[in-house]
Amino acid sequence: MFRFDQLIRPDMTVRDVKQAHPETVAIFEQFQFRTVCDDCDIETVARRNGLNFMDVVDALNEAILRPGPKA
């Protein structure tokens, strides 16, 4: 069972999310997050890229909640 406190939040760093959930790497690539930004939080990088940070967070959470084999 997945707990609410396990969801990805906008204040989490990209590197921490990638390490904890390798299945999110493709999502970060889709949103064109560069690896140089891995030490920044998701919200900051999304805003710098002109993205709605909640769209990014929603896509990341969908990826970790999706049933099936994990990367």
PDB file of N, CA and C in Angstrom:
ATOM      1  N   MET A   1       0.831  -1.173   0.000  1.00  0.00           N
ATOM      2  CA  MET A   1       0.000   0.000   0.000  1.00  0.00           C
ATOM      3  C   MET A   1       0.886   1.251   0.000  1.00  0.00           C
ATOM      4  N   PHE A   2       0.546   2.187  -0.832  1.00  0.00           N
ATOM      5  CA  PHE A   2       1.329   3.409  -0.970  1.00  0.00           C
ATOM      6  C   PHE A   2       0.802   4.450   0.008  1.00  0.00           C
ATOM      7  N   ARG A   3       1.708   5.048   0.772  1.00  0.00           N
ATOM      8  CA  ARG A   3       1.308   6.055   1.751  1.00  0.00           C
ATOM      9  C   ARG A   3       1.434   7.450   1.163  1.00  0.00           C
ATOM     10  N   PHE A   4       0.588   8.345   1.643  1.00  0.00           N
ATOM     11  CA  PHE A   4       0.554   9.727   1.169  1.00  0.00           C
ATOM     12  C   PHE A   4       1.909  10.405   1.315  1.00  0.00           C
ATOM     13  N   ASP A   5       2.618  10.129   2.398  1.00  0.00           N
ATOM     14  CA  ASP A   5       3.910  10.782   2.629  1.00  0.00           C
ATOM     15  C   ASP A   5       5.011  10.254   1.715  1.00  0.00           C
ATOM     16  N   GLN A   6       4.709   9.283   0.883  1.00  0.00           N
ATOM     17  CA  GLN A   6       5.675   8.762  -0.074  1.00  0.00           C
ATOM     18  C   GLN A   6       5.562   9.435  -1.440  1.00  0.00           C
ATOM     19  N   LEU A   7       4.581  10.301  -1.608  1.00  0.00           N
ATOM     20  CA  LEU A   7       4.409  10.995  -2.879  1.00  0.00           C
ATOM     21  C   LEU A   7       5.527  12.002  -3.110  1.00  0.00           C
ATOM     22  N   ILE A   8       5.799  12.275  -4.359  1.00  0.00           N
ATOM     23  CA  ILE A   8       6.793  13.268  -4.743  1.00  0.00           C
ATOM     24  C   ILE A   8       6.194  14.650  -4.550  1.00  0.00           C
ATOM     25  N   ARG A   9       6.988  15.542  -3.957  1.00  0.00           N
ATOM     26  CA  ARG A   9       6.546  16.910  -3.682  1.00  0.00           C
ATOM     27  C   ARG A   9       7.412  17.899  -4.465  1.00  0.00           C
ATOM     28  N   PRO A  10       6.903  19.102  -4.716  1.00  0.00           N
ATOM     29  CA  PRO A  10       7.653  20.104  -5.485  1.00  0.00           C
ATOM     30  C   PRO A  10       8.963  20.529  -4.838  1.00  0.00           C
ATOM     31  N   ASP A  11       9.080  20.402  -3.521  1.00  0.00           N
ATOM     32  CA  ASP A  11      10.293  20.844  -2.839  1.00  0.00           C
ATOM     33  C   ASP A  11      11.400  19.787  -2.810  1.00  0.00           C
ATOM     34  N   MET A  12      11.147  18.617  -3.386  1.00  0.00           N
ATOM     35  CA  MET A  12      12.158  17.556  -3.421  1.00  0.00           C
ATOM     36  C   MET A  12      13.166  17.845  -4.528  1.00  0.00           C
ATOM     37  N   THR A  13      14.422  17.452  -4.294  1.00  0.00           N
ATOM     38  CA  THR A  13      15.426  17.654  -5.339  1.00  0.00           C
ATOM     39  C   THR A  13      15.277  16.590  -6.417  1.00  0.00           C
ATOM     40  N   VAL A  14      15.652  16.973  -7.609  1.00  0.00           N
ATOM     41  CA  VAL A  14      15.563  16.066  -8.748  1.00  0.00           C
ATOM     42  C   VAL A  14      16.412  14.815  -8.483  1.00  0.00           C
ATOM     43  N   ARG A  15      17.624  14.991  -7.973  1.00  0.00           N
ATOM     44  CA  ARG A  15      18.515  13.860  -7.710  1.00  0.00           C
ATOM     45  C   ARG A  15      17.895  12.873  -6.726  1.00  0.00           C
ATOM     46  N   ASP A  16      17.305  13.369  -5.637  1.00  0.00           N
ATOM     47  CA  ASP A  16      16.684  12.485  -4.648  1.00  0.00           C
ATOM     48  C   ASP A  16      15.552  11.670  -5.258  1.00  0.00           C
ATOM     49  N   VAL A  17      14.743  12.314  -6.089  1.00  0.00           N
ATOM     50  CA  VAL A  17      13.623  11.614  -6.725  1.00  0.00           C
ATOM     51  C   VAL A  17      14.147  10.548  -7.688  1.00  0.00           C
ATOM     52  N   LYS A  18      15.141  10.903  -8.498  1.00  0.00           N
ATOM     53  CA  LYS A  18      15.706   9.932  -9.449  1.00  0.00           C
ATOM     54  C   LYS A  18      16.295   8.719  -8.728  1.00  0.00           C
ATOM     55  N   GLN A  19      16.978   8.972  -7.610  1.00  0.00           N
ATOM     56  CA  GLN A  19      17.592   7.869  -6.866  1.00  0.00           C
ATOM     57  C   GLN A  19      16.551   6.977  -6.204  1.00  0.00           C
ATOM     58  N   ALA A  20      15.521   7.582  -5.643  1.00  0.00           N
ATOM     59  CA  ALA A  20      14.480   6.808  -4.962  1.00  0.00           C
ATOM     60  C   ALA A  20      13.530   6.118  -5.933  1.00  0.00           C
ATOM     61  N   HIS A  21      13.343   6.732  -7.111  1.00  0.00           N
ATOM     62  CA  HIS A  21      12.366   6.226  -8.086  1.00  0.00           C
ATOM     63  C   HIS A  21      12.971   6.289  -9.494  1.00  0.00           C
ATOM     64  N   PRO A  22      13.789   5.324  -9.869  1.00  0.00           N
ATOM     65  CA  PRO A  22      14.429   5.355 -11.193  1.00  0.00           C
ATOM     66  C   PRO A  22      13.441   5.442 -12.355  1.00  0.00           C
ATOM     67  N   GLU A  23      12.211   5.026 -12.127  1.00  0.00           N
ATOM     68  CA  GLU A  23      11.206   5.075 -13.187  1.00  0.00           C
ATOM     69  C   GLU A  23      10.830   6.507 -13.554  1.00  0.00           C
ATOM     70  N   THR A  24      11.272   7.493 -12.781  1.00  0.00           N
ATOM     71  CA  THR A  24      10.958   8.893 -13.073  1.00  0.00           C
ATOM     72  C   THR A  24      11.950   9.546 -14.030  1.00  0.00           C
ATOM     73  N   VAL A  25      13.068   8.901 -14.294  1.00  0.00           N
ATOM     74  CA  VAL A  25      14.094   9.495 -15.167  1.00  0.00           C
ATOM     75  C   VAL A  25      13.505   9.862 -16.527  1.00  0.00           C
ATOM     76  N   ALA A  26      12.695   8.986 -17.093  1.00  0.00           N
ATOM     77  CA  ALA A  26      12.080   9.258 -18.400  1.00  0.00           C
ATOM     78  C   ALA A  26      11.154  10.471 -18.343  1.00  0.00           C
ATOM     79  N   ILE A  27      10.484  10.665 -17.225  1.00  0.00           N
ATOM     80  CA  ILE A  27       9.593  11.816 -17.074  1.00  0.00           C
ATOM     81  C   ILE A  27      10.413  13.110 -17.038  1.00  0.00           C
ATOM     82  N   PHE A  28      11.508  13.100 -16.281  1.00  0.00           N
ATOM     83  CA  PHE A  28      12.373  14.275 -16.247  1.00  0.00           C
ATOM     84  C   PHE A  28      12.921  14.589 -17.641  1.00  0.00           C
ATOM     85  N   GLU A  29      13.280  13.554 -18.382  1.00  0.00           N
ATOM     86  CA  GLU A  29      13.774  13.760 -19.747  1.00  0.00           C
ATOM     87  C   GLU A  29      12.671  14.322 -20.643  1.00  0.00           C
ATOM     88  N   GLN A  30      11.459  13.838 -20.473  1.00  0.00           N
ATOM     89  CA  GLN A  30      10.318  14.313 -21.262  1.00  0.00           C
ATOM     90  C   GLN A  30      10.093  15.813 -21.039  1.00  0.00           C
ATOM     91  N   PHE A  31      10.263  16.261 -19.808  1.00  0.00           N
ATOM     92  CA  PHE A  31      10.094  17.677 -19.485  1.00  0.00           C
ATOM     93  C   PHE A  31      11.382  18.480 -19.700  1.00  0.00           C
ATOM     94  N   GLN A  32      12.398  17.832 -20.250  1.00  0.00           N
ATOM     95  CA  GLN A  32      13.677  18.448 -20.606  1.00  0.00           C
ATOM     96  C   GLN A  32      14.413  19.040 -19.408  1.00  0.00           C
ATOM     97  N   PHE A  33      14.375  18.316 -18.283  1.00  0.00           N
ATOM     98  CA  PHE A  33      15.186  18.702 -17.130  1.00  0.00           C
ATOM     99  C   PHE A  33      16.617  18.262 -17.431  1.00  0.00           C
ATOM    100  N   ARG A  34      17.569  19.171 -17.342  1.00  0.00           N
ATOM    101  CA  ARG A  34      18.973  18.847 -17.601  1.00  0.00           C
ATOM    102  C   ARG A  34      19.608  18.278 -16.334  1.00  0.00           C
ATOM    103  N   THR A  35      20.600  17.412 -16.498  1.00  0.00           N
ATOM    104  CA  THR A  35      21.250  16.796 -15.337  1.00  0.00           C
ATOM    105  C   THR A  35      21.986  17.816 -14.477  1.00  0.00           C
ATOM    106  N   VAL A  36      22.376  18.945 -15.054  1.00  0.00           N
ATOM    107  CA  VAL A  36      23.037  19.992 -14.269  1.00  0.00           C
ATOM    108  C   VAL A  36      22.090  20.547 -13.201  1.00  0.00           C
ATOM    109  N   CYS A  37      20.802  20.333 -13.365  1.00  0.00           N
ATOM    110  CA  CYS A  37      19.798  20.834 -12.421  1.00  0.00           C
ATOM    111  C   CYS A  37      19.416  19.797 -11.358  1.00  0.00           C
ATOM    112  N   ASP A  38      20.094  18.684 -11.312  1.00  0.00           N
ATOM    113  CA  ASP A  38      19.711  17.605 -10.398  1.00  0.00           C
ATOM    114  C   ASP A  38      19.737  17.986  -8.921  1.00  0.00           C
ATOM    115  N   ASP A  39      20.526  18.973  -8.544  1.00  0.00           N
ATOM    116  CA  ASP A  39      20.590  19.366  -7.136  1.00  0.00           C
ATOM    117  C   ASP A  39      19.581  20.450  -6.768  1.00  0.00           C
ATOM    118  N   CYS A  40      18.754  20.854  -7.713  1.00  0.00           N
ATOM    119  CA  CYS A  40      17.710  21.850  -7.465  1.00  0.00           C
ATOM    120  C   CYS A  40      16.388  21.143  -7.177  1.00  0.00           C
ATOM    121  N   ASP A  41      15.459  21.878  -6.563  1.00  0.00           N
ATOM    122  CA  ASP A  41      14.156  21.274  -6.315  1.00  0.00           C
ATOM    123  C   ASP A  41      13.313  21.314  -7.597  1.00  0.00           C
ATOM    124  N   ILE A  42      12.352  20.447  -7.660  1.00  0.00           N
ATOM    125  CA  ILE A  42      11.522  20.274  -8.852  1.00  0.00           C
ATOM    126  C   ILE A  42      10.797  21.561  -9.225  1.00  0.00           C
ATOM    127  N   GLU A  43      10.251  22.251  -8.241  1.00  0.00           N
ATOM    128  CA  GLU A  43       9.499  23.469  -8.521  1.00  0.00           C
ATOM    129  C   GLU A  43      10.381  24.529  -9.188  1.00  0.00           C
ATOM    130  N   THR A  44      11.576  24.733  -8.684  1.00  0.00           N
ATOM    131  CA  THR A  44      12.475  25.742  -9.230  1.00  0.00           C
ATOM    132  C   THR A  44      12.852  25.433 -10.673  1.00  0.00           C
ATOM    133  N   VAL A  45      13.198  24.182 -10.936  1.00  0.00           N
ATOM    134  CA  VAL A  45      13.593  23.803 -12.292  1.00  0.00           C
ATOM    135  C   VAL A  45      12.420  23.936 -13.255  1.00  0.00           C
ATOM    136  N   ALA A  46      11.249  23.508 -12.827  1.00  0.00           N
ATOM    137  CA  ALA A  46      10.066  23.615 -13.680  1.00  0.00           C
ATOM    138  C   ALA A  46       9.785  25.074 -14.028  1.00  0.00           C
ATOM    139  N   ARG A  47       9.815  25.938 -13.040  1.00  0.00           N
ATOM    140  CA  ARG A  47       9.551  27.359 -13.293  1.00  0.00           C
ATOM    141  C   ARG A  47      10.599  27.964 -14.228  1.00  0.00           C
ATOM    142  N   ARG A  48      11.863  27.595 -14.040  1.00  0.00           N
ATOM    143  CA  ARG A  48      12.928  28.103 -14.918  1.00  0.00           C
ATOM    144  C   ARG A  48      12.743  27.644 -16.359  1.00  0.00           C
ATOM    145  N   ASN A  49      12.102  26.489 -16.517  1.00  0.00           N
ATOM    146  CA  ASN A  49      11.861  25.954 -17.856  1.00  0.00           C
ATOM    147  C   ASN A  49      10.504  26.390 -18.410  1.00  0.00           C
ATOM    148  N   GLY A  50       9.796  27.256 -17.684  1.00  0.00           N
ATOM    149  CA  GLY A  50       8.507  27.751 -18.153  1.00  0.00           C
ATOM    150  C   GLY A  50       7.386  26.732 -18.038  1.00  0.00           C
ATOM    151  N   LEU A  51       7.524  25.800 -17.108  1.00  0.00           N
ATOM    152  CA  LEU A  51       6.535  24.737 -16.938  1.00  0.00           C
ATOM    153  C   LEU A  51       5.714  24.976 -15.679  1.00  0.00           C
ATOM    154  N   ASN A  52       4.524  24.416 -15.666  1.00  0.00           N
ATOM    155  CA  ASN A  52       3.714  24.397 -14.458  1.00  0.00           C
ATOM    156  C   ASN A  52       4.276  23.280 -13.580  1.00  0.00           C
ATOM    157  N   PHE A  53       4.805  23.627 -12.418  1.00  0.00           N
ATOM    158  CA  PHE A  53       5.462  22.619 -11.585  1.00  0.00           C
ATOM    159  C   PHE A  53       4.509  21.520 -11.137  1.00  0.00           C
ATOM    160  N   MET A  54       3.217  21.819 -11.000  1.00  0.00           N
ATOM    161  CA  MET A  54       2.273  20.783 -10.580  1.00  0.00           C
ATOM    162  C   MET A  54       2.043  19.761 -11.689  1.00  0.00           C
ATOM    163  N   ASP A  55       2.147  20.173 -12.958  1.00  0.00           N
ATOM    164  CA  ASP A  55       2.058  19.215 -14.063  1.00  0.00           C
ATOM    165  C   ASP A  55       3.214  18.226 -13.985  1.00  0.00           C
ATOM    166  N   VAL A  56       4.389  18.734 -13.661  1.00  0.00           N
ATOM    167  CA  VAL A  56       5.575  17.876 -13.543  1.00  0.00           C
ATOM    168  C   VAL A  56       5.401  16.918 -12.364  1.00  0.00           C
ATOM    169  N   VAL A  57       5.009  17.445 -11.213  1.00  0.00           N
ATOM    170  CA  VAL A  57       4.833  16.619 -10.017  1.00  0.00           C
ATOM    171  C   VAL A  57       3.757  15.560 -10.256  1.00  0.00           C
ATOM    172  N   ASP A  58       2.663  15.933 -10.897  1.00  0.00           N
ATOM    173  CA  ASP A  58       1.599  14.963 -11.197  1.00  0.00           C
ATOM    174  C   ASP A  58       2.111  13.840 -12.088  1.00  0.00           C
ATOM    175  N   ALA A  59       2.878  14.179 -13.111  1.00  0.00           N
ATOM    176  CA  ALA A  59       3.425  13.161 -14.020  1.00  0.00           C
ATOM    177  C   ALA A  59       4.391  12.241 -13.282  1.00  0.00           C
ATOM    178  N   LEU A  60       5.199  12.803 -12.394  1.00  0.00           N
ATOM    179  CA  LEU A  60       6.140  11.988 -11.617  1.00  0.00           C
ATOM    180  C   LEU A  60       5.399  11.034 -10.689  1.00  0.00           C
ATOM    181  N   ASN A  61       4.377  11.529 -10.023  1.00  0.00           N
ATOM    182  CA  ASN A  61       3.609  10.667  -9.123  1.00  0.00           C
ATOM    183  C   ASN A  61       2.854   9.589  -9.888  1.00  0.00           C
ATOM    184  N   GLU A  62       2.356   9.914 -11.055  1.00  0.00           N
ATOM    185  CA  GLU A  62       1.708   8.890 -11.885  1.00  0.00           C
ATOM    186  C   GLU A  62       2.702   7.794 -12.230  1.00  0.00           C
ATOM    187  N   ALA A  63       3.938   8.172 -12.523  1.00  0.00           N
ATOM    188  CA  ALA A  63       4.959   7.188 -12.887  1.00  0.00           C
ATOM    189  C   ALA A  63       5.273   6.249 -11.722  1.00  0.00           C
ATOM    190  N   ILE A  64       5.331   6.776 -10.506  1.00  0.00           N
ATOM    191  CA  ILE A  64       5.670   5.894  -9.378  1.00  0.00           C
ATOM    192  C   ILE A  64       4.471   5.091  -8.891  1.00  0.00           C
ATOM    193  N   LEU A  65       3.262   5.536  -9.218  1.00  0.00           N
ATOM    194  CA  LEU A  65       2.067   4.808  -8.795  1.00  0.00           C
ATOM    195  C   LEU A  65       1.579   3.805  -9.831  1.00  0.00           C
ATOM    196  N   ARG A  66       2.122   3.903 -11.041  1.00  0.00           N
ATOM    197  CA  ARG A  66       1.699   3.037 -12.141  1.00  0.00           C
ATOM    198  C   ARG A  66       2.043   1.574 -11.808  1.00  0.00           C
ATOM    199  N   PRO A  67       1.064   0.677 -11.911  1.00  0.00           N
ATOM    200  CA  PRO A  67       1.362  -0.732 -11.662  1.00  0.00           C
ATOM    201  C   PRO A  67       2.266  -1.299 -12.747  1.00  0.00           C
ATOM    202  N   GLY A  68       2.994  -2.313 -12.364  1.00  0.00           N
ATOM    203  CA  GLY A  68       3.873  -2.962 -13.321  1.00  0.00           C
ATOM    204  C   GLY A  68       5.303  -2.959 -12.837  1.00  0.00           C
ATOM    205  N   PRO A  69       6.199  -3.505 -13.649  1.00  0.00           N
ATOM    206  CA  PRO A  69       7.599  -3.588 -13.240  1.00  0.00           C
ATOM    207  C   PRO A  69       8.228  -2.212 -13.123  1.00  0.00           C
ATOM    208  N   LYS A  70       9.023  -2.017 -12.094  1.00  0.00           N
ATOM    209  CA  LYS A  70       9.717  -0.753 -11.872  1.00  0.00           C
ATOM    210  C   LYS A  70      11.079  -0.813 -12.571  1.00  0.00           C
ATOM    211  N   ALA A  71      11.543   0.346 -13.034  1.00  0.00           N
ATOM    212  CA  ALA A  71      12.818   0.426 -13.748  1.00  0.00           C
ATOM    213  C   ALA A  71      13.971   0.113 -12.834  1.00  0.00           C
TER     214      ALA A  71
END
